[in-house]
Structures are given as structure tokens and as C-alpha cells.
């Protein structure tokens, strides 16, 4: 992974990976963030998430990641 890559270059590189390579990359990124595969949200029925709720959670976690490095 190269920090000098543009967004388009990262997308192109990711799409060129095989399915197994993508899975390994995603699992490695999860591990670096201290997450486990399928950890989900505690105390929540995970069978049917509200789409808007999921988007809100994703946006919220992005804010935390940005602040972590500043």
C-alpha cells in the first residue's frame, strides 16, 4: 500500500486483486483497527439493520479515525 496513491489508483489496485487477496487485505485492516470479523454491534439484533442507522455509524467511525491521526 502506498500513501502517494490517488483514490482512483487505490480503487484500481483493489479491483485487480483476487477475491482471496481482498479478503486478506480487509482482515488485516480490521486487525490493525482492533476489530474482529463479524464483531457487529453489541446488544443489538443484527438480523435487520436500518440502512440510515448503518450509514450514520459508518460516518461516525470515519470521524474517529480522522481525529486519531491529527
Protein backbone atom coordinates (compact mmCIF):
# COMPACT_ATOMS: atom_id res chain seq x y z
CA UNK A 1 0.00 0.00 0.00
CA UNK A 2 1.38 3.36 -0.99
CA UNK A 3 0.33 6.60 0.71
CA UNK A 4 1.08 8.51 -2.51
CA UNK A 5 -1.71 6.68 -4.37
CA UNK A 6 -4.70 8.64 -5.53
CA UNK A 7 -8.18 7.40 -4.73
CA UNK A 8 -8.60 6.14 -8.29
CA UNK A 9 -5.29 4.25 -8.15
CA UNK A 10 -6.32 2.55 -4.88
CA UNK A 11 -9.66 1.54 -6.41
CA UNK A 12 -7.93 0.16 -9.49
CA UNK A 13 -5.41 -1.79 -7.36
CA UNK A 14 -8.18 -3.16 -5.12
CA UNK A 15 -10.28 -4.28 -8.11
CA UNK A 16 -7.26 -6.00 -9.63
CA UNK A 17 -6.87 -8.22 -6.53
CA UNK A 18 -8.39 -11.68 -6.42
CA UNK A 19 -11.24 -12.35 -4.02
CA UNK A 20 -8.91 -14.12 -1.58
CA UNK A 21 -6.41 -11.26 -1.70
CA UNK A 22 -9.19 -8.75 -0.98
CA UNK A 23 -10.37 -10.81 2.00
CA UNK A 24 -6.83 -10.96 3.41
CA UNK A 25 -6.40 -7.21 2.98
CA UNK A 26 -9.72 -6.44 4.67
CA UNK A 27 -8.99 -8.84 7.55
CA UNK A 28 -5.56 -7.28 8.04
CA UNK A 29 -7.11 -3.80 8.16
CA UNK A 30 -9.72 -4.98 10.68
CA UNK A 31 -6.98 -6.46 12.86
CA UNK A 32 -4.97 -3.21 12.76
CA UNK A 33 -8.08 -1.37 13.98
CA UNK A 34 -8.57 -3.87 16.80
CA UNK A 35 -11.74 -5.35 15.32
CA UNK A 36 -12.67 -8.96 14.78
CA UNK A 37 -14.53 -10.31 11.82
CA UNK A 38 -18.27 -10.33 12.45
CA UNK A 39 -18.00 -8.41 15.72
CA UNK A 40 -21.01 -6.23 14.89
CA UNK A 41 -22.70 -4.02 17.42
CA UNK A 42 -23.25 -5.41 20.91
CA UNK A 43 -26.70 -5.53 22.46
CA UNK A 44 -28.32 -5.16 19.03
CA UNK A 45 -30.33 -7.59 16.93
CA UNK A 46 -28.06 -7.89 13.91
CA UNK A 47 -30.54 -9.54 11.55
CA UNK A 48 -32.09 -6.35 10.24
CA UNK A 49 -30.22 -3.07 10.46
CA UNK A 50 -31.84 0.17 9.48
CA UNK A 51 -29.94 1.44 6.42
CA UNK A 52 -29.82 5.01 7.71
CA UNK A 53 -28.52 3.79 11.07
CA UNK A 54 -25.68 1.92 9.34
CA UNK A 55 -24.74 4.98 7.29
CA UNK A 56 -24.69 7.09 10.47
CA UNK A 57 -22.42 4.56 12.20
CA UNK A 58 -20.02 4.48 9.23
CA UNK A 59 -19.83 8.27 9.11
CA UNK A 60 -19.28 8.43 12.85
CA UNK A 61 -16.40 5.93 12.77
CA UNK A 62 -14.77 7.87 9.94
CA UNK A 63 -14.71 10.95 12.18
CA UNK A 64 -12.98 8.99 14.92
CA UNK A 65 -10.35 7.70 12.50
CA UNK A 66 -9.59 11.19 11.21
CA UNK A 67 -9.22 12.63 14.71
CA UNK A 68 -6.97 9.76 15.79
CA UNK A 69 -4.18 10.86 13.45
CA UNK A 70 -4.47 14.62 13.96
